C-alpha atoms as a PDB file:
ATOM      1  CA  MET A   1      -0.008  -0.002  -0.001  1.00  0.00           C
ATOM      2  CA  ALA A   2       1.038   3.589  -0.573  1.00  0.00           C
ATOM      3  CA  MET A   3       0.618   6.706   1.515  1.00  0.00           C
ATOM      4  CA  VAL A   4       0.626  10.336   0.449  1.00  0.00           C
ATOM      5  CA  VAL A   5       2.659  12.727   2.586  1.00  0.00           C
ATOM      6  CA  ARG A   6       2.637  16.518   2.398  1.00  0.00           C
ATOM      7  CA  ILE A   7       5.961  18.270   2.972  1.00  0.00           C
ATOM      8  CA  GLN A   8       6.180  21.974   3.788  1.00  0.00           C
ATOM      9  CA  LEU A   9       8.877  23.988   1.989  1.00  0.00           C
ATOM     10  CA  TYR A  10      10.686  27.080   3.211  1.00  0.00           C
ATOM     11  CA  ALA A  11      13.058  29.795   1.979  1.00  0.00           C
ATOM     12  CA  MET A  12      15.042  28.874  -1.148  1.00  0.00           C
ATOM     13  CA  LEU A  13      13.258  25.543  -1.523  1.00  0.00           C
ATOM     14  CA  ARG A  14       9.863  27.251  -1.628  1.00  0.00           C
ATOM     15  CA  GLU A  15      11.146  29.598  -4.320  1.00  0.00           C
ATOM     16  CA  ARG A  16      12.651  26.765  -6.386  1.00  0.00           C
ATOM     17  CA  ALA A  17       9.466  24.717  -6.266  1.00  0.00           C
ATOM     18  CA  GLY A  18       7.159  27.693  -6.780  1.00  0.00           C
ATOM     19  CA  THR A  19       4.933  26.412  -3.973  1.00  0.00           C
ATOM     20  CA  ASP A  20       4.980  26.205  -0.199  1.00  0.00           C
ATOM     21  CA  ALA A  21       4.301  22.436  -0.101  1.00  0.00           C
ATOM     22  CA  ILE A  22       4.672  19.292  -2.175  1.00  0.00           C
ATOM     23  CA  GLU A  23       3.025  15.888  -1.945  1.00  0.00           C
ATOM     24  CA  LEU A  24       4.878  12.599  -2.294  1.00  0.00           C
ATOM     25  CA  GLU A  25       3.453   9.131  -2.721  1.00  0.00           C
ATOM     26  CA  LEU A  26       5.577   6.730  -0.663  1.00  0.00           C
ATOM     27  CA  PRO A  27       5.180   3.057   0.216  1.00  0.00           C
ATOM     28  CA  GLU A  28       3.970   2.087   3.665  1.00  0.00           C
ATOM     29  CA  GLY A  29       6.971   1.831   5.966  1.00  0.00           C
ATOM     30  CA  ALA A  30       8.976   4.454   4.043  1.00  0.00           C
ATOM     31  CA  ARG A  31      11.707   6.197   5.972  1.00  0.00           C
ATOM     32  CA  VAL A  32      13.118   9.701   5.984  1.00  0.00           C
ATOM     33  CA  ARG A  33      15.892   8.722   3.566  1.00  0.00           C
ATOM     34  CA  ASP A  34      13.276   7.581   1.043  1.00  0.00           C
ATOM     35  CA  ALA A  35      11.593  10.985   1.103  1.00  0.00           C
ATOM     36  CA  LEU A  36      14.913  12.806   0.805  1.00  0.00           C
ATOM     37  CA  GLU A  37      15.867  10.712  -2.215  1.00  0.00           C
ATOM     38  CA  ARG A  38      12.612  11.730  -3.905  1.00  0.00           C
ATOM     39  CA  VAL A  39      13.393  15.442  -3.514  1.00  0.00           C
ATOM     40  CA  ALA A  40      17.030  15.235  -4.615  1.00  0.00           C
ATOM     41  CA  ASP A  41      16.331  17.252  -7.770  1.00  0.00           C
ATOM     42  CA  LEU A  42      14.724  20.027  -5.750  1.00  0.00           C
ATOM     43  CA  ALA A  43      17.698  20.026  -3.344  1.00  0.00           C
ATOM     44  CA  ASP A  44      20.108  20.684  -6.263  1.00  0.00           C
ATOM     45  CA  GLY A  45      23.140  19.983  -4.091  1.00  0.00           C
ATOM     46  CA  LEU A  46      21.867  21.525  -0.848  1.00  0.00           C
ATOM     47  CA  PRO A  47      22.273  19.341   2.244  1.00  0.00           C
ATOM     48  CA  LEU A  48      18.741  18.863   3.573  1.00  0.00           C
ATOM     49  CA  VAL A  49      17.161  17.646   6.794  1.00  0.00           C
ATOM     50  CA  LEU A  50      13.595  16.446   7.158  1.00  0.00           C
ATOM     51  CA  ALA A  51      11.720  17.593  10.238  1.00  0.00           C
ATOM     52  CA  VAL A  52       9.096  15.098  11.399  1.00  0.00           C
ATOM     53  CA  ASN A  53       6.516  16.470  13.820  1.00  0.00           C
ATOM     54  CA  ARG A  54       8.803  19.476  14.467  1.00  0.00           C
ATOM     55  CA  GLU A  55      11.855  17.401  15.346  1.00  0.00           C
ATOM     56  CA  TYR A  56      14.902  16.931  13.144  1.00  0.00           C
ATOM     57  CA  ALA A  57      14.949  13.311  12.014  1.00  0.00           C
ATOM     58  CA  ASP A  58      17.733  11.074  10.717  1.00  0.00           C
ATOM     59  CA  GLY A  59      17.388   8.814   7.704  1.00  0.00           C
ATOM     60  CA  ASP A  60      16.211   5.758   9.652  1.00  0.00           C
ATOM     61  CA  VAL A  61      13.063   7.361  11.111  1.00  0.00           C
ATOM     62  CA  ALA A  62       9.896   5.744   9.757  1.00  0.00           C
ATOM     63  CA  LEU A  63       7.205   7.970   8.276  1.00  0.00           C
ATOM     64  CA  ALA A  64       3.501   7.604   8.847  1.00  0.00           C
ATOM     65  CA  ALA A  65       0.414   9.126   7.289  1.00  0.00           C
ATOM     66  CA  GLY A  66      -0.546  12.245   9.233  1.00  0.00           C
ATOM     67  CA  ASP A  67       3.010  13.195  10.220  1.00  0.00           C
ATOM     68  CA  GLU A  68       3.790  16.915  10.065  1.00  0.00           C
ATOM     69  CA  LEU A  69       6.732  17.089   7.665  1.00  0.00           C
ATOM     70  CA  ALA A  70       8.994  19.979   6.670  1.00  0.00           C
ATOM     71  CA  LEU A  71      12.005  20.044   4.381  1.00  0.00           C
ATOM     72  CA  ILE A  72      14.698  22.100   6.077  1.00  0.00           C
ATOM     73  CA  PRO A  73      17.448  23.704   3.982  1.00  0.00           C
ATOM     74  CA  PRO A  74      20.707  24.947   5.612  1.00  0.00           C
ATOM     75  CA  VAL A  75      19.916  27.459   8.364  1.00  0.00           C
ATOM     76  CA  SER A  76      21.731  31.114   8.790  1.00  0.00           C
ATOM     77  CA  GLY A  77      15.106  23.588  17.955  1.00  0.00           C
ATOM     78  CA  GLY A  78       9.534  22.866  26.494  1.00  0.00           C
ATOM     79  CA  ALA A  79       9.945  25.939  28.304  1.00  0.00           C
ATOM     80  CA  THR A  80      10.217  26.166  32.067  1.00  0.00           C
ATOM     81  CA  ALA A  81       8.804  28.879  34.302  1.00  0.00           C
ATOM     82  CA  HIS A  82      12.083  30.813  33.906  1.00  0.00           C
ATOM     83  CA  ALA A  83      12.578  30.306  30.163  1.00  0.00           C
ATOM     84  CA  HIS A  84      10.998  32.454  27.464  1.00  0.00           C
ATOM     85  CA  ALA A  85      11.172  32.263  23.655  1.00  0.00           C
ATOM     86  CA  ARG A  86       9.296  33.962  20.842  1.00  0.00           C
ATOM     87  CA  VAL A  87       9.472  34.268  17.069  1.00  0.00           C
ATOM     88  CA  LEU A  88       7.645  37.398  15.984  1.00  0.00           C
ATOM     89  CA  ASP A  89       7.083  39.823  13.142  1.00  0.00           C
ATOM     90  CA  GLU A  90       7.711  43.060  15.008  1.00  0.00           C
ATOM     91  CA  PRO A  91      10.648  45.006  16.440  1.00  0.00           C
ATOM     92  CA  LEU A  92      12.396  43.293  19.347  1.00  0.00           C
ATOM     93  CA  SER A  93      12.561  44.841  22.793  1.00  0.00           C
ATOM     94  CA  LEU A  94      15.649  44.266  24.924  1.00  0.00           C
ATOM     95  CA  ASP A  95      13.924  45.976  27.852  1.00  0.00           C
ATOM     96  CA  ARG A  96      11.162  43.346  27.660  1.00  0.00           C
ATOM     97  CA  LEU A  97      13.691  40.517  27.776  1.00  0.00           C
ATOM     98  CA  VAL A  98      15.571  42.048  30.700  1.00  0.00           C
ATOM     99  CA  ALA A  99      12.318  42.366  32.619  1.00  0.00           C
ATOM    100  CA  LEU A 100      11.587  38.694  31.979  1.00  0.00           C
ATOM    101  CA  VAL A 101      14.902  37.489  33.431  1.00  0.00           C
ATOM    102  CA  ARG A 102      15.087  39.701  36.504  1.00  0.00           C
ATOM    103  CA  ASP A 103      15.436  37.493  39.569  1.00  0.00           C
ATOM    104  CA  PRO A 104      16.262  38.258  43.234  1.00  0.00           C
ATOM    105  CA  ARG A 105      18.955  35.566  43.125  1.00  0.00           C
ATOM    106  CA  ALA A 106      20.734  37.172  40.169  1.00  0.00           C
ATOM    107  CA  GLY A 107      23.830  39.289  40.528  1.00  0.00           C
ATOM    108  CA  ALA A 108      24.330  39.626  36.782  1.00  0.00           C
ATOM    109  CA  ILE A 109      22.200  40.059  33.655  1.00  0.00           C
ATOM    110  CA  VAL A 110      23.881  39.659  30.274  1.00  0.00           C
ATOM    111  CA  THR A 111      22.192  40.664  27.027  1.00  0.00           C
ATOM    112  CA  PHE A 112      23.018  40.149  23.368  1.00  0.00           C
ATOM    113  CA  GLN A 113      21.551  41.577  20.170  1.00  0.00           C
ATOM    114  CA  GLY A 114      22.391  40.507  16.632  1.00  0.00           C
ATOM    115  CA  VAL A 115      21.807  43.427  14.262  1.00  0.00           C
ATOM    116  CA  THR A 116      21.637  43.854  10.494  1.00  0.00           C
ATOM    117  CA  ARG A 117      24.893  45.209   9.091  1.00  0.00           C
ATOM    118  CA  GLU A 118      26.388  46.209   5.742  1.00  0.00           C
ATOM    119  CA  VAL A 119      23.165  45.642   3.753  1.00  0.00           C
ATOM    120  CA  GLU A 120      20.005  47.703   3.432  1.00  0.00           C
ATOM    121  CA  SER A 121      17.961  45.051   5.215  1.00  0.00           C
ATOM    122  CA  LEU A 122      17.611  41.349   5.894  1.00  0.00           C
ATOM    123  CA  ALA A 123      14.398  39.443   5.307  1.00  0.00           C
ATOM    124  CA  TYR A 124      13.951  36.505   7.676  1.00  0.00           C
ATOM    125  CA  GLU A 125      11.741  33.479   7.088  1.00  0.00           C
ATOM    126  CA  ALA A 126      11.113  30.722   9.626  1.00  0.00           C
ATOM    127  CA  TYR A 127       9.301  27.480  10.210  1.00  0.00           C
ATOM    128  CA  VAL A 128       7.738  29.432  13.058  1.00  0.00           C
ATOM    129  CA  GLU A 129       6.223  26.705  15.209  1.00  0.00           C
ATOM    130  CA  MET A 130       9.334  24.522  15.121  1.00  0.00           C
ATOM    131  CA  ALA A 131      11.663  27.504  15.544  1.00  0.00           C
ATOM    132  CA  ARG A 132       9.803  28.623  18.631  1.00  0.00           C
ATOM    133  CA  GLU A 133       9.905  25.124  20.144  1.00  0.00           C
ATOM    134  CA  ARG A 134      13.613  24.775  19.328  1.00  0.00           C
ATOM    135  CA  ILE A 135      14.446  28.120  20.911  1.00  0.00           C
ATOM    136  CA  GLU A 136      12.380  27.264  23.996  1.00  0.00           C
ATOM    137  CA  ALA A 137      14.320  24.018  24.376  1.00  0.00           C
ATOM    138  CA  ILE A 138      17.654  25.801  23.852  1.00  0.00           C
ATOM    139  CA  VAL A 139      16.824  28.414  26.486  1.00  0.00           C
ATOM    140  CA  ALA A 140      15.588  25.822  28.988  1.00  0.00           C
ATOM    141  CA  GLY A 141      18.714  23.712  28.405  1.00  0.00           C
ATOM    142  CA  ALA A 142      21.018  26.671  28.959  1.00  0.00           C
ATOM    143  CA  ILE A 143      19.340  27.434  32.293  1.00  0.00           C
ATOM    144  CA  VAL A 144      20.153  23.919  33.495  1.00  0.00           C
ATOM    145  CA  ASP A 145      23.624  23.629  31.907  1.00  0.00           C
ATOM    146  CA  HIS A 146      24.912  27.008  33.096  1.00  0.00           C
ATOM    147  CA  GLY A 147      23.087  27.453  36.390  1.00  0.00           C
ATOM    148  CA  LEU A 148      21.096  30.473  35.201  1.00  0.00           C
ATOM    149  CA  CYS A 149      18.302  32.039  37.197  1.00  0.00           C
ATOM    150  CA  ALA A 150      16.346  32.772  34.033  1.00  0.00           C
ATOM    151  CA  ALA A 151      16.849  33.282  30.309  1.00  0.00           C
ATOM    152  CA  ALA A 152      14.915  34.573  27.320  1.00  0.00           C
ATOM    153  CA  ALA A 153      15.394  34.788  23.565  1.00  0.00           C
ATOM    154  CA  GLU A 154      13.441  36.279  20.694  1.00  0.00           C
ATOM    155  CA  HIS A 155      13.966  36.119  16.943  1.00  0.00           C
ATOM    156  CA  ARG A 156      12.366  38.367  14.392  1.00  0.00           C
ATOM    157  CA  VAL A 157      10.891  37.353  11.037  1.00  0.00           C
ATOM    158  CA  GLY A 158      10.079  39.593   8.111  1.00  0.00           C
ATOM    159  CA  GLU A 159      12.202  42.535   7.014  1.00  0.00           C
ATOM    160  CA  VAL A 160      14.770  43.890   9.486  1.00  0.00           C
ATOM    161  CA  PRO A 161      16.320  47.233   8.427  1.00  0.00           C
ATOM    162  CA  LEU A 162      19.967  48.164   8.766  1.00  0.00           C
ATOM    163  CA  SER A 163      21.171  48.371  12.405  1.00  0.00           C
ATOM    164  CA  GLU A 164      17.958  46.935  13.868  1.00  0.00           C
ATOM    165  CA  PRO A 165      18.120  43.701  15.921  1.00  0.00           C
ATOM    166  CA  SER A 166      16.999  40.402  14.405  1.00  0.00           C
ATOM    167  CA  VAL A 167      17.741  38.287  17.484  1.00  0.00           C
ATOM    168  CA  ALA A 168      17.992  39.135  21.179  1.00  0.00           C
ATOM    169  CA  VAL A 169      19.025  37.104  24.220  1.00  0.00           C
ATOM    170  CA  ALA A 170      19.042  37.840  27.947  1.00  0.00           C
ATOM    171  CA  ALA A 171      20.389  35.641  30.730  1.00  0.00           C
ATOM    172  CA  SER A 172      20.528  36.193  34.476  1.00  0.00           C
ATOM    173  CA  ALA A 173      22.701  34.294  36.965  1.00  0.00           C
ATOM    174  CA  PRO A 174      24.201  34.697  40.437  1.00  0.00           C
ATOM    175  CA  HIS A 175      27.578  35.608  38.858  1.00  0.00           C
ATOM    176  CA  ARG A 176      28.686  37.191  35.569  1.00  0.00           C
ATOM    177  CA  GLY A 177      30.622  34.137  34.368  1.00  0.00           C
ATOM    178  CA  GLU A 178      27.528  31.939  34.235  1.00  0.00           C
ATOM    179  CA  ALA A 179      25.457  34.731  32.687  1.00  0.00           C
ATOM    180  CA  PHE A 180      27.986  35.344  29.887  1.00  0.00           C
ATOM    181  CA  ALA A 181      28.402  31.632  29.203  1.00  0.00           C
ATOM    182  CA  GLY A 182      24.653  30.996  29.172  1.00  0.00           C
ATOM    183  CA  ALA A 183      23.898  33.872  26.813  1.00  0.00           C
ATOM    184  CA  ARG A 184      26.690  32.769  24.466  1.00  0.00           C
ATOM    185  CA  ALA A 185      25.432  29.187  24.469  1.00  0.00           C
ATOM    186  CA  ILE A 186      21.893  30.298  23.636  1.00  0.00           C
ATOM    187  CA  ILE A 187      22.802  32.459  20.651  1.00  0.00           C
ATOM    188  CA  ASP A 188      25.245  29.873  19.281  1.00  0.00           C
ATOM    189  CA  ALA A 189      22.614  27.120  19.504  1.00  0.00           C
ATOM    190  CA  ILE A 190      19.902  29.272  17.930  1.00  0.00           C
ATOM    191  CA  LYS A 191      22.187  29.967  14.952  1.00  0.00           C
ATOM    192  CA  ALA A 192      22.964  26.252  14.589  1.00  0.00           C
ATOM    193  CA  GLN A 193      19.550  24.682  15.240  1.00  0.00           C
ATOM    194  CA  ALA A 194      16.594  26.985  14.664  1.00  0.00           C
ATOM    195  CA  PRO A 195      14.972  26.628  11.207  1.00  0.00           C
ATOM    196  CA  ILE A 196      15.333  30.283  10.288  1.00  0.00           C
ATOM    197  CA  TRP A 197      16.683  31.670   7.002  1.00  0.00           C
ATOM    198  CA  LYS A 198      17.712  35.122   5.883  1.00  0.00           C
ATOM    199  CA  ARG A 199      17.839  36.924   2.557  1.00  0.00           C
ATOM    200  CA  GLU A 200      19.995  40.000   1.991  1.00  0.00           C
ATOM    201  CA  GLN A 201      18.335  42.987   0.364  1.00  0.00           C
ATOM    202  CA  GLY A 202      20.554  45.608  -1.229  1.00  0.00           C
ATOM    203  CA  GLY A 203      21.544  47.244  -4.484  1.00  0.00           C
ATOM    204  CA  GLY A 204      18.256  46.251  -6.079  1.00  0.00           C
ATOM    205  CA  GLU A 205      19.033  42.543  -5.562  1.00  0.00           C
ATOM    206  CA  ALA A 206      18.062  39.892  -3.011  1.00  0.00           C
ATOM    207  CA  ARG A 207      19.866  36.641  -2.245  1.00  0.00           C
ATOM    208  CA  TRP A 208      19.537  33.892   0.332  1.00  0.00           C
ATOM    209  CA  VAL A 209      22.501  33.825   2.702  1.00  0.00           C
ATOM    210  CA  LYS A 210      24.457  30.581   2.460  1.00  0.00           C
ATOM    211  CA  GLY A 211      24.055  28.478   5.586  1.00  0.00           C
ATOM    212  CA  THR A 212      24.939  25.130   7.104  1.00  0.00           C
ATOM    213  CA  PRO A 213      22.896  21.981   7.742  1.00  0.00           C
ATOM    214  CA  PRO A 214      20.997  22.330  11.035  1.00  0.00           C
ATOM    215  CA  VAL A 215      22.350  20.492  14.071  1.00  0.00           C
ATOM    216  CA  ALA A 216      19.798  18.246  15.740  1.00  0.00           C
END
């Protein structure tokens, strides 16, 4: 028997296909590698990862009818009471993040903003639901790994003009060392894991920024 699966497309893959989703007919018991083989022409040399139910999946994972599937090109990952993450189409507020991580146990609050530079603007696209869940997990993990009191991260989608922030992180901890380490770990993991892509706008041209395969 065969099953039909629908795969969401993002960023450069959506543009190549001219649609935001494709349907594949696969045999019952098909695995992730089987689906990836079927979209090799669309990949055109890009290393791709298939997300199954909002989790990165290796080639051996079995597919089933009804799975939520997304084809993830190279990218530019449960929250606790002290972890906060959002993906939003509006300007970011560092003051809001700082307020979220204030804690009577904290002797240090470290913040980070990544801003658009050298180009007129960057246009960000995301697999929003999965990106939010990934960032929530990253923030919650950093709280545990680095002994933080609280942490928060937000990433913007849509057009971000020159010098405006596209990503912001705040981390609080009893001492500055833990706060610096936690904030650094969060931004590094977001860059490596969150399914978010950016396109440079400038000089009348737009191009997708070359990325790397996401890290599960």
